């Protein structure tokens, strides 16, 4: 992921303490990688929902809403906001990878719009048209966020 290219520009490590464990330091780039893992898991769920829609099979509508809610609360409102608040300004100030930062910021905005539509569509999956629109939006979200291999 491009946003990780200079994650060390954040500077400080974050302390992570789990119940019953000793204190451990997590470097900013490792922390970002763990957070991207959450996104990757939701992309897998989105892909399975798209597959089921394409095959005319049923799927739990609540899974769509739950997955989009994870995207909204954790990925968009926490992870991406952290990138926008702390990481992107450092790249811009250093005049380093500014074009990439601009593209990632635009991606964040487009992703938020898609999530809004996905959340709305998850509430009304009555017919083939609504399922088709949902599948299209899920595919667009996956295409936008899935790492290219």
N, C-alpha and C. Protein backbone atom coordinates (compact mmCIF):
# COMPACT_ATOMS: atom_id res chain seq x y z
N UNK A 1 0.85 -1.17 0.00
CA UNK A 1 0.00 0.00 0.00
C UNK A 1 0.90 1.24 0.00
N UNK A 2 0.58 2.16 -0.84
CA UNK A 2 1.39 3.34 -1.01
C UNK A 2 1.53 4.17 0.23
N UNK A 3 0.50 4.23 1.07
CA UNK A 3 0.55 5.08 2.25
C UNK A 3 1.57 4.58 3.25
N UNK A 4 2.04 3.35 3.08
CA UNK A 4 3.01 2.81 4.02
C UNK A 4 4.44 3.15 3.64
N UNK A 5 4.62 3.67 2.47
CA UNK A 5 5.97 3.92 1.97
C UNK A 5 6.81 4.75 2.92
N UNK A 6 6.21 5.68 3.59
CA UNK A 6 6.97 6.52 4.50
C UNK A 6 6.35 6.59 5.87
N UNK A 7 5.75 5.50 6.31
CA UNK A 7 5.07 5.51 7.60
C UNK A 7 6.03 5.87 8.74
N UNK A 8 7.31 5.59 8.55
CA UNK A 8 8.26 5.93 9.60
C UNK A 8 8.37 7.44 9.78
N UNK A 9 7.83 8.21 8.86
CA UNK A 9 7.84 9.66 9.02
C UNK A 9 6.98 10.09 10.20
N UNK A 10 6.13 9.17 10.69
CA UNK A 10 5.32 9.50 11.86
C UNK A 10 6.20 9.71 13.08
N UNK A 11 7.33 9.01 13.11
CA UNK A 11 8.29 9.28 14.16
C UNK A 11 8.23 8.40 15.38
N UNK A 12 7.16 8.39 16.12
CA UNK A 12 7.12 7.70 17.40
C UNK A 12 6.46 6.34 17.28
N UNK A 13 6.87 5.46 18.20
CA UNK A 13 6.21 4.16 18.30
C UNK A 13 5.00 4.29 19.19
N UNK A 14 4.04 3.38 19.01
CA UNK A 14 2.84 3.37 19.83
C UNK A 14 2.92 2.20 20.80
N UNK A 15 2.56 2.44 22.05
CA UNK A 15 2.57 1.38 23.04
C UNK A 15 1.25 0.63 22.97
N UNK A 16 1.34 -0.70 22.90
CA UNK A 16 0.17 -1.55 22.85
C UNK A 16 0.21 -2.48 24.04
N UNK A 17 -0.85 -2.48 24.84
CA UNK A 17 -0.90 -3.35 26.00
C UNK A 17 -2.20 -4.15 25.94
N UNK A 18 -2.07 -5.47 25.85
CA UNK A 18 -3.24 -6.34 25.87
C UNK A 18 -3.41 -6.86 27.29
N UNK A 19 -4.62 -7.28 27.61
CA UNK A 19 -4.91 -7.79 28.95
C UNK A 19 -3.96 -8.93 29.30
N UNK A 20 -3.29 -8.81 30.41
CA UNK A 20 -2.39 -9.85 30.90
C UNK A 20 -1.05 -9.91 30.20
N UNK A 21 -0.75 -8.97 29.34
CA UNK A 21 0.53 -8.97 28.64
C UNK A 21 1.37 -7.79 29.06
N UNK A 22 2.67 -7.93 28.85
CA UNK A 22 3.56 -6.82 29.16
C UNK A 22 3.50 -5.81 28.02
N UNK A 23 4.01 -4.63 28.29
CA UNK A 23 4.00 -3.55 27.32
C UNK A 23 4.89 -3.88 26.13
N UNK A 24 4.40 -3.61 24.94
CA UNK A 24 5.18 -3.82 23.73
C UNK A 24 5.07 -2.57 22.87
N UNK A 25 6.11 -2.30 22.13
CA UNK A 25 6.10 -1.15 21.24
C UNK A 25 5.76 -1.61 19.83
N UNK A 26 4.88 -0.87 19.18
CA UNK A 26 4.53 -1.15 17.80
C UNK A 26 4.95 0.05 16.97
N UNK A 27 5.81 -0.21 16.01
CA UNK A 27 6.27 0.86 15.13
C UNK A 27 5.10 1.32 14.26
N UNK A 28 5.07 2.59 13.87
CA UNK A 28 3.95 3.10 13.06
C UNK A 28 3.68 2.29 11.80
N UNK A 29 4.75 1.85 11.11
CA UNK A 29 4.51 1.10 9.88
C UNK A 29 3.89 -0.26 10.18
N UNK A 30 4.30 -0.92 11.26
CA UNK A 30 3.70 -2.20 11.65
C UNK A 30 2.25 -2.00 12.07
N UNK A 31 2.00 -0.92 12.78
CA UNK A 31 0.64 -0.59 13.21
C UNK A 31 -0.27 -0.40 12.00
N UNK A 32 0.20 0.35 11.01
CA UNK A 32 -0.58 0.57 9.79
C UNK A 32 -0.82 -0.74 9.05
N UNK A 33 0.16 -1.62 9.03
CA UNK A 33 -0.01 -2.91 8.36
C UNK A 33 -1.10 -3.73 9.04
N UNK A 34 -1.13 -3.73 10.38
CA UNK A 34 -2.17 -4.46 11.11
C UNK A 34 -3.54 -3.88 10.78
N UNK A 35 -3.64 -2.58 10.73
CA UNK A 35 -4.91 -1.93 10.42
C UNK A 35 -5.35 -2.25 8.98
N UNK A 36 -4.41 -2.33 8.06
CA UNK A 36 -4.74 -2.69 6.69
C UNK A 36 -5.25 -4.13 6.63
N UNK A 37 -4.83 -4.97 7.57
CA UNK A 37 -5.32 -6.34 7.64
C UNK A 37 -6.82 -6.39 7.90
N UNK A 38 -7.33 -5.47 8.70
CA UNK A 38 -8.77 -5.40 8.95
C UNK A 38 -9.49 -5.10 7.64
N UNK A 39 -8.99 -4.14 6.89
CA UNK A 39 -9.58 -3.80 5.59
C UNK A 39 -9.56 -5.01 4.67
N UNK A 40 -8.45 -5.72 4.62
CA UNK A 40 -8.33 -6.88 3.73
C UNK A 40 -9.37 -7.94 4.07
N UNK A 41 -9.64 -8.16 5.35
CA UNK A 41 -10.64 -9.15 5.74
C UNK A 41 -12.05 -8.73 5.30
N UNK A 42 -12.36 -7.46 5.41
CA UNK A 42 -13.67 -6.98 4.96
C UNK A 42 -13.77 -7.11 3.44
N UNK A 43 -12.69 -6.86 2.73
CA UNK A 43 -12.71 -7.03 1.27
C UNK A 43 -13.02 -8.47 0.90
N UNK A 44 -12.52 -9.43 1.68
CA UNK A 44 -12.84 -10.83 1.44
C UNK A 44 -14.34 -11.09 1.62
N UNK A 45 -14.92 -10.51 2.67
CA UNK A 45 -16.36 -10.66 2.90
C UNK A 45 -17.15 -10.03 1.77
N UNK A 46 -16.75 -8.83 1.34
CA UNK A 46 -17.42 -8.17 0.22
C UNK A 46 -17.34 -9.05 -1.04
N UNK A 47 -16.19 -9.64 -1.29
CA UNK A 47 -16.02 -10.50 -2.46
C UNK A 47 -16.95 -11.70 -2.42
N UNK A 48 -17.10 -12.30 -1.26
CA UNK A 48 -18.01 -13.44 -1.13
C UNK A 48 -19.45 -13.02 -1.36
N UNK A 49 -19.83 -11.86 -0.89
CA UNK A 49 -21.20 -11.37 -1.12
C UNK A 49 -21.43 -11.12 -2.61
N UNK A 50 -20.46 -10.54 -3.28
CA UNK A 50 -20.56 -10.32 -4.73
C UNK A 50 -20.70 -11.66 -5.45
N UNK A 51 -19.92 -12.65 -5.04
CA UNK A 51 -19.98 -13.98 -5.65
C UNK A 51 -21.38 -14.58 -5.50
N UNK A 52 -21.92 -14.46 -4.29
CA UNK A 52 -23.26 -15.02 -4.05
C UNK A 52 -24.33 -14.29 -4.84
N UNK A 53 -24.23 -12.98 -4.93
CA UNK A 53 -25.21 -12.23 -5.73
C UNK A 53 -25.13 -12.67 -7.18
N UNK A 54 -23.91 -12.79 -7.70
CA UNK A 54 -23.72 -13.22 -9.09
C UNK A 54 -24.26 -14.61 -9.37
N UNK A 55 -24.21 -15.48 -8.35
CA UNK A 55 -24.70 -16.85 -8.50
C UNK A 55 -26.18 -16.98 -8.16
N UNK A 56 -26.81 -15.85 -7.81
CA UNK A 56 -28.23 -15.88 -7.45
C UNK A 56 -28.50 -16.56 -6.12
N UNK A 57 -27.50 -16.61 -5.27
CA UNK A 57 -27.64 -17.26 -3.96
C UNK A 57 -27.96 -16.22 -2.88
N UNK A 58 -28.50 -16.72 -1.80
CA UNK A 58 -28.81 -15.86 -0.66
C UNK A 58 -27.52 -15.55 0.10
N UNK A 59 -27.55 -14.49 0.85
CA UNK A 59 -26.44 -14.09 1.71
C UNK A 59 -27.04 -13.33 2.88
N UNK A 60 -26.36 -13.33 4.02
CA UNK A 60 -26.91 -12.58 5.16
C UNK A 60 -26.76 -11.08 4.96
N UNK A 61 -27.90 -10.40 4.80
CA UNK A 61 -27.87 -8.95 4.58
C UNK A 61 -27.18 -8.24 5.74
N UNK A 62 -27.31 -8.78 6.94
CA UNK A 62 -26.67 -8.16 8.09
C UNK A 62 -25.15 -8.15 7.95
N UNK A 63 -24.60 -9.14 7.23
CA UNK A 63 -23.16 -9.18 7.00
C UNK A 63 -22.70 -7.99 6.18
N UNK A 64 -23.53 -7.55 5.25
CA UNK A 64 -23.20 -6.37 4.44
C UNK A 64 -23.17 -5.14 5.35
N UNK A 65 -24.22 -4.98 6.13
CA UNK A 65 -24.32 -3.83 7.02
C UNK A 65 -23.18 -3.83 8.05
N UNK A 66 -22.92 -4.99 8.64
CA UNK A 66 -21.84 -5.10 9.65
C UNK A 66 -20.48 -4.78 9.03
N UNK A 67 -20.23 -5.32 7.84
CA UNK A 67 -18.95 -5.07 7.18
C UNK A 67 -18.78 -3.60 6.82
N UNK A 68 -19.83 -3.00 6.28
CA UNK A 68 -19.76 -1.58 5.92
C UNK A 68 -19.62 -0.71 7.17
N UNK A 69 -20.21 -1.14 8.27
CA UNK A 69 -20.07 -0.39 9.53
C UNK A 69 -18.63 -0.46 10.04
N UNK A 70 -17.98 -1.61 9.88
CA UNK A 70 -16.56 -1.72 10.24
C UNK A 70 -15.74 -0.77 9.38
N UNK A 71 -16.04 -0.76 8.08
CA UNK A 71 -15.33 0.16 7.18
C UNK A 71 -15.53 1.60 7.63
N UNK A 72 -16.78 1.97 7.90
CA UNK A 72 -17.08 3.35 8.29
C UNK A 72 -16.38 3.72 9.59
N UNK A 73 -16.53 2.91 10.63
CA UNK A 73 -16.04 3.30 11.94
C UNK A 73 -14.53 3.12 12.10
N UNK A 74 -14.00 1.99 11.65
CA UNK A 74 -12.58 1.75 11.88
C UNK A 74 -11.71 2.25 10.74
N UNK A 75 -12.02 1.85 9.52
CA UNK A 75 -11.15 2.20 8.39
C UNK A 75 -11.25 3.69 8.07
N UNK A 76 -12.47 4.19 7.88
CA UNK A 76 -12.63 5.59 7.46
C UNK A 76 -12.48 6.58 8.61
N UNK A 77 -13.23 6.38 9.68
CA UNK A 77 -13.25 7.38 10.76
C UNK A 77 -12.04 7.30 11.68
N UNK A 78 -11.32 6.19 11.67
CA UNK A 78 -10.11 6.11 12.50
C UNK A 78 -8.86 6.04 11.62
N UNK A 79 -8.67 4.94 10.93
CA UNK A 79 -7.41 4.71 10.19
C UNK A 79 -7.13 5.79 9.15
N UNK A 80 -8.11 6.04 8.27
CA UNK A 80 -7.87 7.03 7.22
C UNK A 80 -7.74 8.43 7.80
N UNK A 81 -8.52 8.74 8.82
CA UNK A 81 -8.40 10.07 9.45
C UNK A 81 -7.01 10.23 10.06
N UNK A 82 -6.47 9.16 10.64
CA UNK A 82 -5.10 9.23 11.18
C UNK A 82 -4.11 9.53 10.06
N UNK A 83 -4.24 8.82 8.93
CA UNK A 83 -3.35 9.09 7.79
C UNK A 83 -3.47 10.55 7.35
N UNK A 84 -4.71 11.02 7.24
CA UNK A 84 -4.95 12.38 6.76
C UNK A 84 -4.45 13.44 7.74
N UNK A 85 -4.54 13.13 9.03
CA UNK A 85 -4.15 14.11 10.05
C UNK A 85 -2.64 14.11 10.32
N UNK A 86 -2.03 12.93 10.33
CA UNK A 86 -0.63 12.86 10.75
C UNK A 86 0.35 12.51 9.64
N UNK A 87 -0.02 11.60 8.75
CA UNK A 87 0.92 11.13 7.75
C UNK A 87 0.95 12.03 6.51
N UNK A 88 -0.20 12.31 5.94
CA UNK A 88 -0.24 13.10 4.71
C UNK A 88 0.40 14.48 4.87
N UNK A 89 0.14 15.21 5.96
CA UNK A 89 0.79 16.53 6.09
C UNK A 89 2.32 16.44 6.13
N UNK A 90 2.84 15.38 6.69
CA UNK A 90 4.31 15.24 6.74
C UNK A 90 4.89 15.03 5.35
N UNK A 91 4.20 14.22 4.54
CA UNK A 91 4.66 14.04 3.16
C UNK A 91 4.57 15.36 2.39
N UNK A 92 3.47 16.08 2.57
CA UNK A 92 3.30 17.35 1.86
C UNK A 92 4.37 18.35 2.30
N UNK A 93 4.61 18.42 3.59
CA UNK A 93 5.61 19.36 4.10
C UNK A 93 7.00 19.01 3.58
N UNK A 94 7.30 17.72 3.47
CA UNK A 94 8.60 17.27 2.97
C UNK A 94 8.65 17.29 1.44
N UNK A 95 7.53 17.64 0.81
CA UNK A 95 7.39 17.62 -0.64
C UNK A 95 7.88 16.26 -1.17
N UNK A 96 7.31 15.21 -0.58
CA UNK A 96 7.69 13.84 -0.92
C UNK A 96 6.43 13.04 -1.21
N UNK A 97 6.35 12.45 -2.39
CA UNK A 97 5.21 11.62 -2.81
C UNK A 97 3.87 12.37 -2.71
N UNK A 98 3.90 13.65 -2.99
CA UNK A 98 2.69 14.48 -2.87
C UNK A 98 1.60 14.01 -3.83
N UNK A 99 1.97 13.62 -5.05
CA UNK A 99 0.96 13.12 -5.99
C UNK A 99 0.28 11.87 -5.45
N UNK A 100 1.04 10.98 -4.84
CA UNK A 100 0.48 9.77 -4.24
C UNK A 100 -0.44 10.13 -3.08
N UNK A 101 -0.04 11.04 -2.24
CA UNK A 101 -0.88 11.48 -1.12
C UNK A 101 -2.19 12.04 -1.64
N UNK A 102 -2.14 12.83 -2.71
CA UNK A 102 -3.35 13.40 -3.28
C UNK A 102 -4.28 12.30 -3.80
N UNK A 103 -3.72 11.29 -4.45
CA UNK A 103 -4.52 10.17 -4.95
C UNK A 103 -5.13 9.39 -3.78
N UNK A 104 -4.35 9.14 -2.74
CA UNK A 104 -4.87 8.41 -1.58
C UNK A 104 -5.98 9.19 -0.88
N UNK A 105 -5.82 10.50 -0.80
CA UNK A 105 -6.88 11.32 -0.20
C UNK A 105 -8.15 11.25 -1.04
N UNK A 106 -8.02 11.33 -2.36
CA UNK A 106 -9.18 11.21 -3.25
C UNK A 106 -9.81 9.83 -3.10
N UNK A 107 -8.98 8.80 -2.94
CA UNK A 107 -9.49 7.44 -2.73
C UNK A 107 -10.30 7.38 -1.43
N UNK A 108 -9.81 8.00 -0.39
CA UNK A 108 -10.54 8.03 0.88
C UNK A 108 -11.93 8.65 0.68
N UNK A 109 -11.98 9.76 -0.04
CA UNK A 109 -13.25 10.45 -0.27
C UNK A 109 -14.21 9.57 -1.08
N UNK A 110 -13.70 8.95 -2.13
CA UNK A 110 -14.54 8.08 -2.97
C UNK A 110 -15.00 6.87 -2.18
N UNK A 111 -14.13 6.32 -1.35
CA UNK A 111 -14.50 5.18 -0.51
C UNK A 111 -15.61 5.53 0.46
N UNK A 112 -15.56 6.73 1.01
CA UNK A 112 -16.62 7.17 1.94
C UNK A 112 -17.97 7.26 1.22
N UNK A 113 -17.94 7.75 -0.01
CA UNK A 113 -19.19 7.83 -0.78
C UNK A 113 -19.74 6.42 -1.07
N UNK A 114 -18.85 5.50 -1.45
CA UNK A 114 -19.29 4.13 -1.70
C UNK A 114 -19.84 3.48 -0.43
N UNK A 115 -19.17 3.68 0.69
CA UNK A 115 -19.65 3.10 1.95
C UNK A 115 -21.03 3.62 2.29
N UNK A 116 -21.25 4.90 2.05
CA UNK A 116 -22.58 5.47 2.31
C UNK A 116 -23.64 4.77 1.48
N UNK A 117 -23.34 4.54 0.21
CA UNK A 117 -24.30 3.84 -0.66
C UNK A 117 -24.48 2.39 -0.23
N UNK A 118 -23.39 1.72 0.12
CA UNK A 118 -23.47 0.32 0.55
C UNK A 118 -24.32 0.20 1.80
N UNK A 119 -24.12 1.09 2.75
CA UNK A 119 -24.94 1.07 3.97
C UNK A 119 -26.41 1.28 3.65
N UNK A 120 -26.72 2.21 2.74
CA UNK A 120 -28.11 2.45 2.36
C UNK A 120 -28.69 1.24 1.63
N UNK A 121 -27.90 0.67 0.72
CA UNK A 121 -28.38 -0.49 -0.04
C UNK A 121 -28.59 -1.72 0.84
N UNK A 122 -27.80 -1.85 1.91
CA UNK A 122 -27.93 -3.02 2.78
C UNK A 122 -29.26 -3.02 3.53
N UNK A 123 -29.92 -1.88 3.57
CA UNK A 123 -31.20 -1.76 4.28
C UNK A 123 -32.37 -2.19 3.40
N UNK A 124 -32.18 -2.19 2.08
CA UNK A 124 -33.30 -2.51 1.18
C UNK A 124 -32.83 -3.40 0.04
N UNK A 125 -32.78 -4.68 0.29
CA UNK A 125 -32.34 -5.63 -0.72
C UNK A 125 -33.52 -6.43 -1.26
N UNK A 126 -34.56 -5.72 -1.64
CA UNK A 126 -35.83 -6.37 -2.02
C UNK A 126 -35.77 -7.06 -3.37
N UNK A 127 -35.14 -6.48 -4.36
CA UNK A 127 -35.21 -7.05 -5.69
C UNK A 127 -33.86 -7.21 -6.35
N UNK A 128 -33.89 -7.72 -7.57
CA UNK A 128 -32.67 -7.96 -8.33
C UNK A 128 -31.92 -6.67 -8.62
N UNK A 129 -32.65 -5.58 -8.86
CA UNK A 129 -31.99 -4.30 -9.15
C UNK A 129 -31.17 -3.82 -7.96
N UNK A 130 -31.75 -3.92 -6.76
CA UNK A 130 -31.01 -3.44 -5.58
C UNK A 130 -29.81 -4.34 -5.30
N UNK A 131 -29.94 -5.63 -5.53
CA UNK A 131 -28.80 -6.54 -5.35
C UNK A 131 -27.72 -6.26 -6.38
N UNK A 132 -28.12 -5.94 -7.60
CA UNK A 132 -27.17 -5.62 -8.65
C UNK A 132 -26.40 -4.34 -8.33
N UNK A 133 -27.12 -3.33 -7.85
CA UNK A 133 -26.45 -2.07 -7.45
C UNK A 133 -25.48 -2.33 -6.31
N UNK A 134 -25.90 -3.14 -5.34
CA UNK A 134 -25.03 -3.47 -4.21
C UNK A 134 -23.77 -4.17 -4.71
N UNK A 135 -23.94 -5.19 -5.57
CA UNK A 135 -22.79 -5.92 -6.09
C UNK A 135 -21.85 -4.98 -6.84
N UNK A 136 -22.40 -4.06 -7.61
CA UNK A 136 -21.59 -3.10 -8.36
C UNK A 136 -20.79 -2.20 -7.42
N UNK A 137 -21.43 -1.72 -6.37
CA UNK A 137 -20.72 -0.85 -5.42
C UNK A 137 -19.68 -1.63 -4.62
N UNK A 138 -19.99 -2.86 -4.24
CA UNK A 138 -19.01 -3.68 -3.53
C UNK A 138 -17.81 -3.97 -4.42
N UNK A 139 -18.06 -4.28 -5.69
CA UNK A 139 -16.95 -4.51 -6.63
C UNK A 139 -16.10 -3.26 -6.80
N UNK A 140 -16.73 -2.10 -6.88
CA UNK A 140 -15.98 -0.85 -7.02
C UNK A 140 -15.12 -0.61 -5.79
N UNK A 141 -15.67 -0.88 -4.61
CA UNK A 141 -14.91 -0.69 -3.37
C UNK A 141 -13.72 -1.65 -3.33
N UNK A 142 -13.97 -2.91 -3.67
CA UNK A 142 -12.88 -3.90 -3.69
C UNK A 142 -11.79 -3.47 -4.67
N UNK A 143 -12.18 -3.09 -5.87
CA UNK A 143 -11.21 -2.69 -6.91
C UNK A 143 -10.37 -1.50 -6.45
N UNK A 144 -11.00 -0.59 -5.74
CA UNK A 144 -10.31 0.62 -5.30
C UNK A 144 -9.32 0.33 -4.15
N UNK A 145 -9.67 -0.58 -3.26
CA UNK A 145 -8.86 -0.78 -2.06
C UNK A 145 -7.98 -2.02 -2.09
N UNK A 146 -8.27 -2.96 -2.98
CA UNK A 146 -7.49 -4.19 -3.00
C UNK A 146 -6.10 -3.92 -3.55
N UNK A 147 -5.08 -4.43 -2.87
CA UNK A 147 -3.73 -4.22 -3.38
C UNK A 147 -3.55 -4.95 -4.72
N UNK A 148 -2.86 -4.34 -5.60
CA UNK A 148 -2.56 -4.94 -6.91
C UNK A 148 -1.35 -5.84 -6.73
N UNK A 149 -1.48 -7.07 -7.23
CA UNK A 149 -0.34 -7.99 -7.08
C UNK A 149 0.39 -8.18 -8.39
